[in-house]
Amino acid sequence: MPIDATQPYDDNNIFARILRGELPSKTVYDDEFALAFHDINPQAPLHILVIPKGAYVSWDDFSARASDAEIAGFVRAVGQVARDAGLVAPGYRLLANTGLDSHQEVPHLHVHIFAGQKLGPMLAI
């Protein structure tokens, strides 16, 4: 079910629980600012989620409240994950849903990295 990205952060969301070690994940990257792991329901041959370690509901929340170090660290982590996975040359797609209309399902900022095949048009309307 999509979430309202203007609501307060929910400490019991699935990504908060992964960050606390309460739920397992297949981690591919971990530093002081970000955690990246394989999606449990992949929508492409390669589907990695990158999340900031701070409690941010959405891209809007993150860009308004995160420190410059957190923002730079998170953006660099997304790029590093793509480079480490060898995705730069063949290409990949980044997606960050924010709010109800975008179908954001988890109230913790996350960026999807999709790759492993030609992805086609961005939106099917």
PDB file of N, CA and C in Angstrom:
ATOM      1  N   MET A   1       0.846  -1.178   0.000  1.00  0.00           N
ATOM      2  CA  MET A   1       0.000   0.000   0.000  1.00  0.00           C
ATOM      3  C   MET A   1       0.896   1.249   0.000  1.00  0.00           C
ATOM      4  N   PRO A   2       0.636   2.216  -0.864  1.00  0.00           N
ATOM      5  CA  PRO A   2       1.430   3.433  -0.910  1.00  0.00           C
ATOM      6  C   PRO A   2       1.311   4.220   0.395  1.00  0.00           C
ATOM      7  N   ILE A   3       2.375   4.956   0.707  1.00  0.00           N
ATOM      8  CA  ILE A   3       2.396   5.736   1.947  1.00  0.00           C
ATOM      9  C   ILE A   3       2.398   7.231   1.638  1.00  0.00           C
ATOM     10  N   ASP A   4       1.993   8.003   2.608  1.00  0.00           N
ATOM     11  CA  ASP A   4       2.011   9.457   2.523  1.00  0.00           C
ATOM     12  C   ASP A   4       3.385   9.919   3.016  1.00  0.00           C
ATOM     13  N   ALA A   5       4.197  10.465   2.117  1.00  0.00           N
ATOM     14  CA  ALA A   5       5.569  10.842   2.439  1.00  0.00           C
ATOM     15  C   ALA A   5       5.671  12.055   3.359  1.00  0.00           C
ATOM     16  N   THR A   6       4.539  12.669   3.703  1.00  0.00           N
ATOM     17  CA  THR A   6       4.577  13.802   4.619  1.00  0.00           C
ATOM     18  C   THR A   6       4.367  13.364   6.070  1.00  0.00           C
ATOM     19  N   GLN A   7       4.097  12.090   6.283  1.00  0.00           N
ATOM     20  CA  GLN A   7       3.882  11.579   7.637  1.00  0.00           C
ATOM     21  C   GLN A   7       5.209  11.449   8.383  1.00  0.00           C
ATOM     22  N   PRO A   8       5.171  11.416   9.716  1.00  0.00           N
ATOM     23  CA  PRO A   8       6.402  11.228  10.493  1.00  0.00           C
ATOM     24  C   PRO A   8       7.051   9.872  10.199  1.00  0.00           C
ATOM     25  N   TYR A   9       8.324   9.795  10.461  1.00  0.00           N
ATOM     26  CA  TYR A   9       9.076   8.563  10.243  1.00  0.00           C
ATOM     27  C   TYR A   9       8.555   7.453  11.157  1.00  0.00           C
ATOM     28  N   ASP A  10       8.400   6.265  10.610  1.00  0.00           N
ATOM     29  CA  ASP A  10       7.944   5.089  11.352  1.00  0.00           C
ATOM     30  C   ASP A  10       9.150   4.204  11.652  1.00  0.00           C
ATOM     31  N   ASP A  11       9.553   4.150  12.926  1.00  0.00           N
ATOM     32  CA  ASP A  11      10.728   3.361  13.333  1.00  0.00           C
ATOM     33  C   ASP A  11      10.555   1.860  13.142  1.00  0.00           C
ATOM     34  N   ASN A  12       9.354   1.411  12.852  1.00  0.00           N
ATOM     35  CA  ASN A  12       9.112  -0.019  12.662  1.00  0.00           C
ATOM     36  C   ASN A  12       8.982  -0.422  11.194  1.00  0.00           C
ATOM     37  N   ASN A  13       9.316   0.485  10.270  1.00  0.00           N
ATOM     38  CA  ASN A  13       9.252   0.105   8.860  1.00  0.00           C
ATOM     39  C   ASN A  13      10.332  -0.945   8.567  1.00  0.00           C
ATOM     40  N   ILE A  14      10.148  -1.677   7.481  1.00  0.00           N
ATOM     41  CA  ILE A  14      11.024  -2.815   7.184  1.00  0.00           C
ATOM     42  C   ILE A  14      12.496  -2.407   7.041  1.00  0.00           C
ATOM     43  N   PHE A  15      12.768  -1.223   6.466  1.00  0.00           N
ATOM     44  CA  PHE A  15      14.165  -0.816   6.288  1.00  0.00           C
ATOM     45  C   PHE A  15      14.800  -0.403   7.612  1.00  0.00           C
ATOM     46  N   ALA A  16      14.029   0.207   8.497  1.00  0.00           N
ATOM     47  CA  ALA A  16      14.541   0.525   9.835  1.00  0.00           C
ATOM     48  C   ALA A  16      14.900  -0.766  10.568  1.00  0.00           C
ATOM     49  N   ARG A  17      14.071  -1.786  10.402  1.00  0.00           N
ATOM     50  CA  ARG A  17      14.333  -3.079  11.047  1.00  0.00           C
ATOM     51  C   ARG A  17      15.562  -3.757  10.443  1.00  0.00           C
ATOM     52  N   ILE A  18      15.772  -3.615   9.136  1.00  0.00           N
ATOM     53  CA  ILE A  18      16.993  -4.151   8.513  1.00  0.00           C
ATOM     54  C   ILE A  18      18.205  -3.414   9.056  1.00  0.00           C
ATOM     55  N   LEU A  19      18.125  -2.090   9.158  1.00  0.00           N
ATOM     56  CA  LEU A  19      19.248  -1.301   9.682  1.00  0.00           C
ATOM     57  C   LEU A  19      19.600  -1.700  11.114  1.00  0.00           C
ATOM     58  N   ARG A  20      18.601  -2.052  11.908  1.00  0.00           N
ATOM     59  CA  ARG A  20      18.851  -2.475  13.299  1.00  0.00           C
ATOM     60  C   ARG A  20      19.299  -3.931  13.396  1.00  0.00           C
ATOM     61  N   GLY A  21      19.310  -4.659  12.291  1.00  0.00           N
ATOM     62  CA  GLY A  21      19.722  -6.059  12.301  1.00  0.00           C
ATOM     63  C   GLY A  21      18.634  -7.012  12.723  1.00  0.00           C
ATOM     64  N   GLU A  22      17.383  -6.538  12.793  1.00  0.00           N
ATOM     65  CA  GLU A  22      16.262  -7.387  13.181  1.00  0.00           C
ATOM     66  C   GLU A  22      15.782  -8.276  12.035  1.00  0.00           C
ATOM     67  N   LEU A  23      16.047  -7.846  10.814  1.00  0.00           N
ATOM     68  CA  LEU A  23      15.675  -8.616   9.626  1.00  0.00           C
ATOM     69  C   LEU A  23      16.920  -8.806   8.760  1.00  0.00           C
ATOM     70  N   PRO A  24      17.040  -9.952   8.122  1.00  0.00           N
ATOM     71  CA  PRO A  24      18.219 -10.182   7.282  1.00  0.00           C
ATOM     72  C   PRO A  24      18.114  -9.457   5.943  1.00  0.00           C
ATOM     73  N   SER A  25      19.270  -9.235   5.336  1.00  0.00           N
ATOM     74  CA  SER A  25      19.313  -8.705   3.977  1.00  0.00           C
ATOM     75  C   SER A  25      20.574  -9.230   3.310  1.00  0.00           C
ATOM     76  N   LYS A  26      20.545  -9.290   2.002  1.00  0.00           N
ATOM     77  CA  LYS A  26      21.710  -9.707   1.224  1.00  0.00           C
ATOM     78  C   LYS A  26      22.478  -8.435   0.862  1.00  0.00           C
ATOM     79  N   THR A  27      23.339  -8.012   1.778  1.00  0.00           N
ATOM     80  CA  THR A  27      24.041  -6.739   1.686  1.00  0.00           C
ATOM     81  C   THR A  27      25.110  -6.754   0.597  1.00  0.00           C
ATOM     82  N   VAL A  28      25.159  -5.648  -0.157  1.00  0.00           N
ATOM     83  CA  VAL A  28      26.203  -5.482  -1.163  1.00  0.00           C
ATOM     84  C   VAL A  28      27.081  -4.269  -0.870  1.00  0.00           C
ATOM     85  N   TYR A  29      26.652  -3.402   0.050  1.00  0.00           N
ATOM     86  CA  TYR A  29      27.420  -2.197   0.393  1.00  0.00           C
ATOM     87  C   TYR A  29      26.963  -1.723   1.761  1.00  0.00           C
ATOM     88  N   ASP A  30      27.937  -1.256   2.566  1.00  0.00           N
ATOM     89  CA  ASP A  30      27.617  -0.759   3.901  1.00  0.00           C
ATOM     90  C   ASP A  30      28.698   0.219   4.321  1.00  0.00           C
ATOM     91  N   ASP A  31      28.311   1.463   4.640  1.00  0.00           N
ATOM     92  CA  ASP A  31      29.254   2.428   5.200  1.00  0.00           C
ATOM     93  C   ASP A  31      28.513   3.268   6.233  1.00  0.00           C
ATOM     94  N   GLU A  32      29.096   4.355   6.680  1.00  0.00           N
ATOM     95  CA  GLU A  32      28.459   5.134   7.748  1.00  0.00           C
ATOM     96  C   GLU A  32      27.185   5.850   7.306  1.00  0.00           C
ATOM     97  N   PHE A  33      27.005   6.037   6.001  1.00  0.00           N
ATOM     98  CA  PHE A  33      25.857   6.792   5.500  1.00  0.00           C
ATOM     99  C   PHE A  33      24.777   5.956   4.825  1.00  0.00           C
ATOM    100  N   ALA A  34      25.141   4.784   4.291  1.00  0.00           N
ATOM    101  CA  ALA A  34      24.193   4.042   3.461  1.00  0.00           C
ATOM    102  C   ALA A  34      24.366   2.537   3.590  1.00  0.00           C
ATOM    103  N   LEU A  35      23.291   1.837   3.276  1.00  0.00           N
ATOM    104  CA  LEU A  35      23.276   0.381   3.197  1.00  0.00           C
ATOM    105  C   LEU A  35      22.615   0.022   1.876  1.00  0.00           C
ATOM    106  N   ALA A  36      23.210  -0.940   1.158  1.00  0.00           N
ATOM    107  CA  ALA A  36      22.617  -1.412  -0.102  1.00  0.00           C
ATOM    108  C   ALA A  36      22.472  -2.918  -0.034  1.00  0.00           C
ATOM    109  N   PHE A  37      21.351  -3.405  -0.567  1.00  0.00           N
ATOM    110  CA  PHE A  37      21.072  -4.834  -0.513  1.00  0.00           C
ATOM    111  C   PHE A  37      20.149  -5.212  -1.658  1.00  0.00           C
ATOM    112  N   HIS A  38      20.123  -6.495  -1.979  1.00  0.00           N
ATOM    113  CA  HIS A  38      19.261  -6.994  -3.045  1.00  0.00           C
ATOM    114  C   HIS A  38      17.802  -6.946  -2.605  1.00  0.00           C
ATOM    115  N   ASP A  39      16.936  -6.524  -3.522  1.00  0.00           N
ATOM    116  CA  ASP A  39      15.499  -6.497  -3.265  1.00  0.00           C
ATOM    117  C   ASP A  39      14.983  -7.934  -3.163  1.00  0.00           C
ATOM    118  N   ILE A  40      14.101  -8.194  -2.210  1.00  0.00           N
ATOM    119  CA  ILE A  40      13.572  -9.560  -2.050  1.00  0.00           C
ATOM    120  C   ILE A  40      12.517  -9.899  -3.097  1.00  0.00           C
ATOM    121  N   ASN A  41      12.031  -8.897  -3.810  1.00  0.00           N
ATOM    122  CA  ASN A  41      11.054  -9.104  -4.886  1.00  0.00           C
ATOM    123  C   ASN A  41      11.548  -8.360  -6.129  1.00  0.00           C
ATOM    124  N   PRO A  42      12.610  -8.853  -6.762  1.00  0.00           N
ATOM    125  CA  PRO A  42      13.245  -8.093  -7.853  1.00  0.00           C
ATOM    126  C   PRO A  42      12.329  -7.867  -9.046  1.00  0.00           C
ATOM    127  N   GLN A  43      12.417  -6.652  -9.586  1.00  0.00           N
ATOM    128  CA  GLN A  43      11.638  -6.261 -10.756  1.00  0.00           C
ATOM    129  C   GLN A  43      12.492  -6.222 -12.017  1.00  0.00           C
ATOM    130  N   ALA A  44      13.764  -6.602 -11.904  1.00  0.00           N
ATOM    131  CA  ALA A  44      14.710  -6.690 -13.022  1.00  0.00           C
ATOM    132  C   ALA A  44      15.718  -7.771 -12.635  1.00  0.00           C
ATOM    133  N   PRO A  45      16.502  -8.276 -13.596  1.00  0.00           N
ATOM    134  CA  PRO A  45      17.500  -9.293 -13.247  1.00  0.00           C
ATOM    135  C   PRO A  45      18.426  -8.861 -12.105  1.00  0.00           C
ATOM    136  N   LEU A  46      18.759  -7.572 -12.055  1.00  0.00           N
ATOM    137  CA  LEU A  46      19.513  -7.027 -10.928  1.00  0.00           C
ATOM    138  C   LEU A  46      18.675  -5.889 -10.346  1.00  0.00           C
ATOM    139  N   HIS A  47      18.345  -5.998  -9.076  1.00  0.00           N
ATOM    140  CA  HIS A  47      17.511  -4.997  -8.406  1.00  0.00           C
ATOM    141  C   HIS A  47      18.074  -4.806  -7.007  1.00  0.00           C
ATOM    142  N   ILE A  48      18.754  -3.687  -6.820  1.00  0.00           N
ATOM    143  CA  ILE A  48      19.393  -3.362  -5.548  1.00  0.00           C
ATOM    144  C   ILE A  48      18.710  -2.133  -4.962  1.00  0.00           C
ATOM    145  N   LEU A  49      18.514  -2.149  -3.660  1.00  0.00           N
ATOM    146  CA  LEU A  49      17.982  -0.998  -2.933  1.00  0.00           C
ATOM    147  C   LEU A  49      19.121  -0.340  -2.169  1.00  0.00           C
ATOM    148  N   VAL A  50      19.175   0.985  -2.211  1.00  0.00           N
ATOM    149  CA  VAL A  50      20.155   1.741  -1.432  1.00  0.00           C
ATOM    150  C   VAL A  50      19.368   2.651  -0.505  1.00  0.00           C
ATOM    151  N   ILE A  51      19.668   2.576   0.793  1.00  0.00           N
ATOM    152  CA  ILE A  51      18.947   3.380   1.785  1.00  0.00           C
ATOM    153  C   ILE A  51      19.940   4.176   2.631  1.00  0.00           C
ATOM    154  N   PRO A  52      19.555   5.386   3.008  1.00  0.00           N
ATOM    155  CA  PRO A  52      20.396   6.124   3.953  1.00  0.00           C
ATOM    156  C   PRO A  52      20.233   5.518   5.342  1.00  0.00           C
ATOM    157  N   LYS A  53      21.237   5.670   6.175  1.00  0.00           N
ATOM    158  CA  LYS A  53      21.144   5.124   7.530  1.00  0.00           C
ATOM    159  C   LYS A  53      20.338   6.012   8.461  1.00  0.00           C
ATOM    160  N   GLY A  54      20.106   7.253   8.066  1.00  0.00           N
ATOM    161  CA  GLY A  54      19.287   8.152   8.870  1.00  0.00           C
ATOM    162  C   GLY A  54      17.808   7.901   8.668  1.00  0.00           C
ATOM    163  N   ALA A  55      17.005   8.422   9.583  1.00  0.00           N
ATOM    164  CA  ALA A  55      15.544   8.230   9.570  1.00  0.00           C
ATOM    165  C   ALA A  55      14.875   9.281   8.697  1.00  0.00           C
ATOM    166  N   TYR A  56      14.815   9.002   7.391  1.00  0.00           N
ATOM    167  CA  TYR A  56      14.209   9.916   6.428  1.00  0.00           C
ATOM    168  C   TYR A  56      13.094   9.200   5.681  1.00  0.00           C
ATOM    169  N   VAL A  57      11.926   9.814   5.605  1.00  0.00           N
ATOM    170  CA  VAL A  57      10.758   9.198   4.979  1.00  0.00           C
ATOM    171  C   VAL A  57      10.896   9.156   3.457  1.00  0.00           C
ATOM    172  N   SER A  58      11.414  10.235   2.869  1.00  0.00           N
ATOM    173  CA  SER A  58      11.394  10.374   1.416  1.00  0.00           C
ATOM    174  C   SER A  58      12.549  11.246   0.941  1.00  0.00           C
ATOM    175  N   TRP A  59      12.652  11.362  -0.387  1.00  0.00           N
ATOM    176  CA  TRP A  59      13.685  12.234  -0.961  1.00  0.00           C
ATOM    177  C   TRP A  59      13.466  13.667  -0.493  1.00  0.00           C
ATOM    178  N   ASP A  60      12.217  14.104  -0.429  1.00  0.00           N
ATOM    179  CA  ASP A  60      11.917  15.459   0.035  1.00  0.00           C
ATOM    180  C   ASP A  60      12.399  15.665   1.467  1.00  0.00           C
ATOM    181  N   ASP A  61      12.071  14.734   2.336  1.00  0.00           N
ATOM    182  CA  ASP A  61      12.484  14.787   3.742  1.00  0.00           C
ATOM    183  C   ASP A  61      14.012  14.800   3.852  1.00  0.00           C
ATOM    184  N   PHE A  62      14.660  13.917   3.116  1.00  0.00           N
ATOM    185  CA  PHE A  62      16.120  13.787   3.137  1.00  0.00           C
ATOM    186  C   PHE A  62      16.792  15.069   2.658  1.00  0.00           C
ATOM    187  N   SER A  63      16.327  15.603   1.536  1.00  0.00           N
ATOM    188  CA  SER A  63      16.973  16.797   0.976  1.00  0.00           C
ATOM    189  C   SER A  63      16.765  18.023   1.864  1.00  0.00           C
ATOM    190  N   ALA A  64      15.702  18.034   2.659  1.00  0.00           N
ATOM    191  CA  ALA A  64      15.421  19.163   3.547  1.00  0.00           C
ATOM    192  C   ALA A  64      16.137  19.056   4.893  1.00  0.00           C
ATOM    193  N   ARG A  65      16.317  17.839   5.413  1.00  0.00           N
ATOM    194  CA  ARG A  65      16.820  17.688   6.784  1.00  0.00           C
ATOM    195  C   ARG A  65      18.199  17.062   6.938  1.00  0.00           C
ATOM    196  N   ALA A  66      18.664  16.317   5.961  1.00  0.00           N
ATOM    197  CA  ALA A  66      19.945  15.622   6.109  1.00  0.00           C
ATOM    198  C   ALA A  66      21.107  16.618   6.070  1.00  0.00           C
ATOM    199  N   SER A  67      22.179  16.250   6.725  1.00  0.00           N
ATOM    200  CA  SER A  67      23.385  17.090   6.686  1.00  0.00           C
ATOM    201  C   SER A  67      24.040  16.982   5.307  1.00  0.00           C
ATOM    202  N   ASP A  68      24.895  17.942   5.010  1.00  0.00           N
ATOM    203  CA  ASP A  68      25.623  17.887   3.743  1.00  0.00           C
ATOM    204  C   ASP A  68      26.430  16.594   3.632  1.00  0.00           C
ATOM    205  N   ALA A  69      27.011  16.153   4.746  1.00  0.00           N
ATOM    206  CA  ALA A  69      27.801  14.907   4.741  1.00  0.00           C
ATOM    207  C   ALA A  69      26.923  13.700   4.441  1.00  0.00           C
ATOM    208  N   GLU A  70      25.711  13.666   5.017  1.00  0.00           N
ATOM    209  CA  GLU A  70      24.794  12.551   4.753  1.00  0.00           C
ATOM    210  C   GLU A  70      24.370  12.531   3.286  1.00  0.00           C
ATOM    211  N   ILE A  71      24.047  13.704   2.753  1.00  0.00           N
ATOM    212  CA  ILE A  71      23.610  13.770   1.357  1.00  0.00           C
ATOM    213  C   ILE A  71      24.737  13.329   0.431  1.00  0.00           C
ATOM    214  N   ALA A  72      25.931  13.878   0.625  1.00  0.00           N
ATOM    215  CA  ALA A  72      27.065  13.500  -0.224  1.00  0.00           C
ATOM    216  C   ALA A  72      27.391  12.019  -0.062  1.00  0.00           C
ATOM    217  N   GLY A  73      27.372  11.526   1.162  1.00  0.00           N
ATOM    218  CA  GLY A  73      27.684  10.115   1.408  1.00  0.00           C
ATOM    219  C   GLY A  73      26.690   9.183   0.763  1.00  0.00           C
ATOM    220  N   PHE A  74      25.414   9.539   0.813  1.00  0.00           N
ATOM    221  CA  PHE A  74      24.382   8.691   0.216  1.00  0.00           C
ATOM    222  C   PHE A  74      24.498   8.686  -1.309  1.00  0.00           C
ATOM    223  N   VAL A  75      24.641   9.855  -1.900  1.00  0.00           N
ATOM    224  CA  VAL A  75      24.752   9.938  -3.360  1.00  0.00           C
ATOM    225  C   VAL A  75      25.998   9.195  -3.836  1.00  0.00           C
ATOM    226  N   ARG A  76      27.092   9.349  -3.122  1.00  0.00           N
ATOM    227  CA  ARG A  76      28.317   8.620  -3.487  1.00  0.00           C
ATOM    228  C   ARG A  76      28.123   7.111  -3.338  1.00  0.00           C
ATOM    229  N   ALA A  77      27.387   6.696  -2.327  1.00  0.00           N
ATOM    230  CA  ALA A  77      27.127   5.262  -2.131  1.00  0.00           C
ATOM    231  C   ALA A  77      26.351   4.686  -3.306  1.00  0.00           C
ATOM    232  N   VAL A  78      25.344   5.408  -3.790  1.00  0.00           N
ATOM    233  CA  VAL A  78      24.563   4.929  -4.940  1.00  0.00           C
ATOM    234  C   VAL A  78      25.497   4.720  -6.134  1.00  0.00           C
ATOM    235  N   GLY A  79      26.358   5.686  -6.401  1.00  0.00           N
ATOM    236  CA  GLY A  79      27.308   5.554  -7.506  1.00  0.00           C
ATOM    237  C   GLY A  79      28.280   4.415  -7.302  1.00  0.00           C
ATOM    238  N   GLN A  80      28.751   4.235  -6.082  1.00  0.00           N
ATOM    239  CA  GLN A  80      29.702   3.160  -5.796  1.00  0.00           C
ATOM    240  C   GLN A  80      29.071   1.791  -5.985  1.00  0.00           C
ATOM    241  N   VAL A  81      27.843   1.639  -5.550  1.00  0.00           N
ATOM    242  CA  VAL A  81      27.133   0.365  -5.726  1.00  0.00           C
ATOM    243  C   VAL A  81      27.025   0.039  -7.216  1.00  0.00           C
ATOM    244  N   ALA A  82      26.663   1.027  -8.032  1.00  0.00           N
ATOM    245  CA  ALA A  82      26.548   0.799  -9.480  1.00  0.00           C
ATOM    246  C   ALA A  82      27.908   0.437 -10.079  1.00  0.00           C
ATOM    247  N   ARG A  83      28.955   1.145  -9.678  1.00  0.00           N
ATOM    248  CA  ARG A  83      30.298   0.826 -10.193  1.00  0.00           C
ATOM    249  C   ARG A  83      30.738  -0.561  -9.759  1.00  0.00           C
ATOM    250  N   ASP A  84      30.546  -0.876  -8.487  1.00  0.00           N
ATOM    251  CA  ASP A  84      30.959  -2.192  -7.965  1.00  0.00           C
ATOM    252  C   ASP A  84      30.237  -3.338  -8.678  1.00  0.00           C
ATOM    253  N   ALA A  85      29.008  -3.095  -9.098  1.00  0.00           N
ATOM    254  CA  ALA A  85      28.222  -4.127  -9.783  1.00  0.00           C
ATOM    255  C   ALA A  85      28.509  -4.168 -11.287  1.00  0.00           C
ATOM    256  N   GLY A  86      29.394  -3.278 -11.762  1.00  0.00           N
ATOM    257  CA  GLY A  86      29.745  -3.264 -13.179  1.00  0.00           C
ATOM    258  C   GLY A  86      28.634  -2.737 -14.074  1.00  0.00           C
ATOM    259  N   LEU A  87      27.860  -1.796 -13.572  1.00  0.00           N
ATOM    260  CA  LEU A  87      26.674  -1.344 -14.299  1.00  0.00           C
ATOM    261  C   LEU A  87      26.873  -0.092 -15.147  1.00  0.00           C
ATOM    262  N   VAL A  88      27.999   0.587 -15.007  1.00  0.00           N
ATOM    263  CA  VAL A  88      28.172   1.867 -15.688  1.00  0.00           C
ATOM    264  C   VAL A  88      28.139   1.708 -17.205  1.00  0.00           C
ATOM    265  N   ALA A  89      28.914   0.778 -17.742  1.00  0.00           N
ATOM    266  CA  ALA A  89      28.983   0.621 -19.208  1.00  0.00           C
ATOM    267  C   ALA A  89      27.666   0.120 -19.805  1.00  0.00           C
ATOM    268  N   PRO A  90      27.053  -0.941 -19.274  1.00  0.00           N
ATOM    269  CA  PRO A  90      25.802  -1.389 -19.900  1.00  0.00           C
ATOM    270  C   PRO A  90      24.627  -0.470 -19.574  1.00  0.00           C
ATOM    271  N   GLY A  91      24.684   0.212 -18.450  1.00  0.00           N
ATOM    272  CA  GLY A  91      23.627   1.126 -18.054  1.00  0.00           C
ATOM    273  C   GLY A  91      22.716   0.561 -16.973  1.00  0.00           C
ATOM    274  N   TYR A  92      22.052   1.469 -16.292  1.00  0.00           N
ATOM    275  CA  TYR A  92      21.143   1.105 -15.206  1.00  0.00           C
ATOM    276  C   TYR A  92      20.143   2.222 -15.017  1.00  0.00           C
ATOM    277  N   ARG A  93      19.103   1.946 -14.256  1.00  0.00           N
ATOM    278  CA  ARG A  93      18.072   2.932 -13.953  1.00  0.00           C
ATOM    279  C   ARG A  93      18.014   3.135 -12.447  1.00  0.00           C
ATOM    280  N   LEU A  94      17.882   4.407 -12.040  1.00  0.00           N
ATOM    281  CA  LEU A  94      17.651   4.761 -10.639  1.00  0.00           C
ATOM    282  C   LEU A  94      16.209   5.207 -10.500  1.00  0.00           C
ATOM    283  N   LEU A  95      15.575   4.801  -9.408  1.00  0.00           N
ATOM    284  CA  LEU A  95      14.201   5.201  -9.146  1.00  0.00           C
ATOM    285  C   LEU A  95      14.033   5.436  -7.661  1.00  0.00           C
ATOM    286  N   ALA A  96      13.482   6.594  -7.310  1.00  0.00           N
ATOM    287  CA  ALA A  96      13.134   6.888  -5.912  1.00  0.00           C
ATOM    288  C   ALA A  96      11.695   7.398  -5.901  1.00  0.00           C
ATOM    289  N   ASN A  97      10.795   6.604  -5.386  1.00  0.00           N
ATOM    290  CA  ASN A  97       9.390   6.994  -5.289  1.00  0.00           C
ATOM    291  C   ASN A  97       9.183   7.861  -4.055  1.00  0.00           C
ATOM    292  N   THR A  98       8.330   8.882  -4.201  1.00  0.00           N
ATOM    293  CA  THR A  98       8.009   9.753  -3.073  1.00  0.00           C
ATOM    294  C   THR A  98       6.507   9.952  -3.011  1.00  0.00           C
ATOM    295  N   GLY A  99       5.896   9.425  -1.987  1.00  0.00           N
ATOM    296  CA  GLY A  99       4.486   9.680  -1.728  1.00  0.00           C
ATOM    297  C   GLY A  99       3.494   8.775  -2.428  1.00  0.00           C
ATOM    298  N   LEU A 100       2.241   9.110  -2.224  1.00  0.00           N
ATOM    299  CA  LEU A 100       1.121   8.288  -2.678  1.00  0.00           C
ATOM    300  C   LEU A 100       1.059   8.124  -4.196  1.00  0.00           C
ATOM    301  N   ASP A 101       1.167   9.211  -4.936  1.00  0.00           N
ATOM    302  CA  ASP A 101       1.015   9.123  -6.392  1.00  0.00           C
ATOM    303  C   ASP A 101       2.131   8.322  -7.050  1.00  0.00           C
ATOM    304  N   SER A 102       3.287   8.240  -6.409  1.00  0.00           N
ATOM    305  CA  SER A 102       4.404   7.486  -6.994  1.00  0.00           C
ATOM    306  C   SER A 102       4.403   6.025  -6.561  1.00  0.00           C
ATOM    307  N   HIS A 103       3.521   5.689  -5.637  1.00  0.00           N
ATOM    308  CA  HIS A 103       3.400   4.327  -5.102  1.00  0.00           C
ATOM    309  C   HIS A 103       4.569   3.964  -4.174  1.00  0.00           C
ATOM    310  N   GLN A 104       5.032   4.937  -3.366  1.00  0.00           N
ATOM    311  CA  GLN A 104       6.049   4.635  -2.361  1.00  0.00           C
ATOM    312  C   GLN A 104       5.433   3.686  -1.338  1.00  0.00           C
ATOM    313  N   GLU A 105       6.072   2.531  -1.130  1.00  0.00           N
ATOM    314  CA  GLU A 105       5.496   1.512  -0.251  1.00  0.00           C
ATOM    315  C   GLU A 105       6.144   1.441   1.121  1.00  0.00           C
ATOM    316  N   VAL A 106       7.395   1.864   1.245  1.00  0.00           N
ATOM    317  CA  VAL A 106       8.091   1.818   2.528  1.00  0.00           C
ATOM    318  C   VAL A 106       8.432   3.254   2.926  1.00  0.00           C
ATOM    319  N   PRO A 107       8.053   3.678   4.130  1.00  0.00           N
ATOM    320  CA  PRO A 107       8.281   5.055   4.547  1.00  0.00           C
ATOM    321  C   PRO A 107       9.712   5.319   5.035  1.00  0.00           C
ATOM    322  N   HIS A 108      10.671   4.901   4.218  1.00  0.00           N
ATOM    323  CA  HIS A 108      12.090   5.184   4.451  1.00  0.00           C
ATOM    324  C   HIS A 108      12.673   5.441   3.062  1.00  0.00           C
ATOM    325  N   LEU A 109      13.351   6.566   2.884  1.00  0.00           N
ATOM    326  CA  LEU A 109      13.927   6.867   1.578  1.00  0.00           C
ATOM    327  C   LEU A 109      14.715   5.670   1.068  1.00  0.00           C
ATOM    328  N   HIS A 110      14.494   5.322  -0.180  1.00  0.00           N
ATOM    329  CA  HIS A 110      15.276   4.263  -0.808  1.00  0.00           C
ATOM    330  C   HIS A 110      15.348   4.518  -2.297  1.00  0.00           C
ATOM    331  N   VAL A 111      16.488   4.173  -2.857  1.00  0.00           N
ATOM    332  CA  VAL A 111      16.700   4.290  -4.291  1.00  0.00           C
ATOM    333  C   VAL A 111      16.805   2.876  -4.844  1.00  0.00           C
ATOM    334  N   HIS A 112      16.039   2.604  -5.873  1.00  0.00           N
ATOM    335  CA  HIS A 112      16.109   1.326  -6.577  1.00  0.00           C
ATOM    336  C   HIS A 112      17.155   1.456  -7.677  1.00  0.00           C
ATOM    337  N   ILE A 113      18.024   0.468  -7.805  1.00  0.00           N
ATOM    338  CA  ILE A 113      18.922   0.357  -8.956  1.00  0.00           C
ATOM    339  C   ILE A 113      18.448  -0.856  -9.740  1.00  0.00           C
ATOM    340  N   PHE A 114      18.004  -0.614 -10.977  1.00  0.00           N
ATOM    341  CA  PHE A 114      17.540  -1.680 -11.862  1.00  0.00           C
ATOM    342  C   PHE A 114      18.560  -1.872 -12.975  1.00  0.00           C
ATOM    343  N   ALA A 115      18.876  -3.123 -13.305  1.00  0.00           N
ATOM    344  CA  ALA A 115      19.827  -3.399 -14.380  1.00  0.00           C
ATOM    345  C   ALA A 115      19.729  -4.861 -14.780  1.00  0.00           C
ATOM    346  N   GLY A 116      20.603  -5.239 -15.720  1.00  0.00           N
ATOM    347  CA  GLY A 116      20.691  -6.636 -16.114  1.00  0.00           C
ATOM    348  C   GLY A 116      19.943  -6.986 -17.387  1.00  0.00           C
ATOM    349  N   GLN A 117      19.246  -6.001 -17.951  1.00  0.00           N
ATOM    350  CA  GLN A 117      18.548  -6.197 -19.216  1.00  0.00           C
ATOM    351  C   GLN A 117      18.190  -4.813 -19.751  1.00  0.00           C
ATOM    352  N   LYS A 118      17.805  -4.743 -21.019  1.00  0.00           N
ATOM    353  CA  LYS A 118      17.286  -3.471 -21.555  1.00  0.00           C
ATOM    354  C   LYS A 118      15.957  -3.217 -20.864  1.00  0.00           C
ATOM    355  N   LEU A 119      15.816  -2.044 -20.299  1.00  0.00           N
ATOM    356  CA  LEU A 119      14.660  -1.771 -19.445  1.00  0.00           C
ATOM    357  C   LEU A 119      13.480  -1.151 -20.179  1.00  0.00           C
ATOM    358  N   GLY A 120      13.652  -0.680 -21.376  1.00  0.00           N
ATOM    359  CA  GLY A 120      12.538  -0.106 -22.113  1.00  0.00           C
ATOM    360  C   GLY A 120      12.158   1.268 -21.623  1.00  0.00           C
ATOM    361  N   PRO A 121      10.980   1.749 -22.038  1.00  0.00           N
ATOM    362  CA  PRO A 121      10.559   3.096 -21.656  1.00  0.00           C
ATOM    363  C   PRO A 121      10.363   3.212 -20.151  1.00  0.00           C
ATOM    364  N   MET A 122      10.552   4.412 -19.674  1.00  0.00           N
ATOM    365  CA  MET A 122      10.488   4.625 -18.235  1.00  0.00           C
ATOM    366  C   MET A 122       9.076   4.479 -17.678  1.00  0.00           C
ATOM    367  N   LEU A 123       8.089   5.008 -18.358  1.00  0.00           N
ATOM    368  CA  LEU A 123       6.719   4.934 -17.861  1.00  0.00           C
ATOM    369  C   LEU A 123       5.816   4.277 -18.900  1.00  0.00           C
ATOM    370  N   ALA A 124       4.941   3.438 -18.433  1.00  0.00           N
ATOM    371  CA  ALA A 124       3.921   2.848 -19.308  1.00  0.00           C
ATOM    372  C   ALA A 124       2.589   3.466 -18.903  1.00  0.00           C
ATOM    373  N   ILE A 125       2.076   4.313 -19.737  1.00  0.00           N
ATOM    374  CA  ILE A 125       0.846   5.050 -19.386  1.00  0.00           C
ATOM    375  C   ILE A 125      -0.315   4.536 -20.204  1.00  0.00           C
TER     376      ILE A 125
END
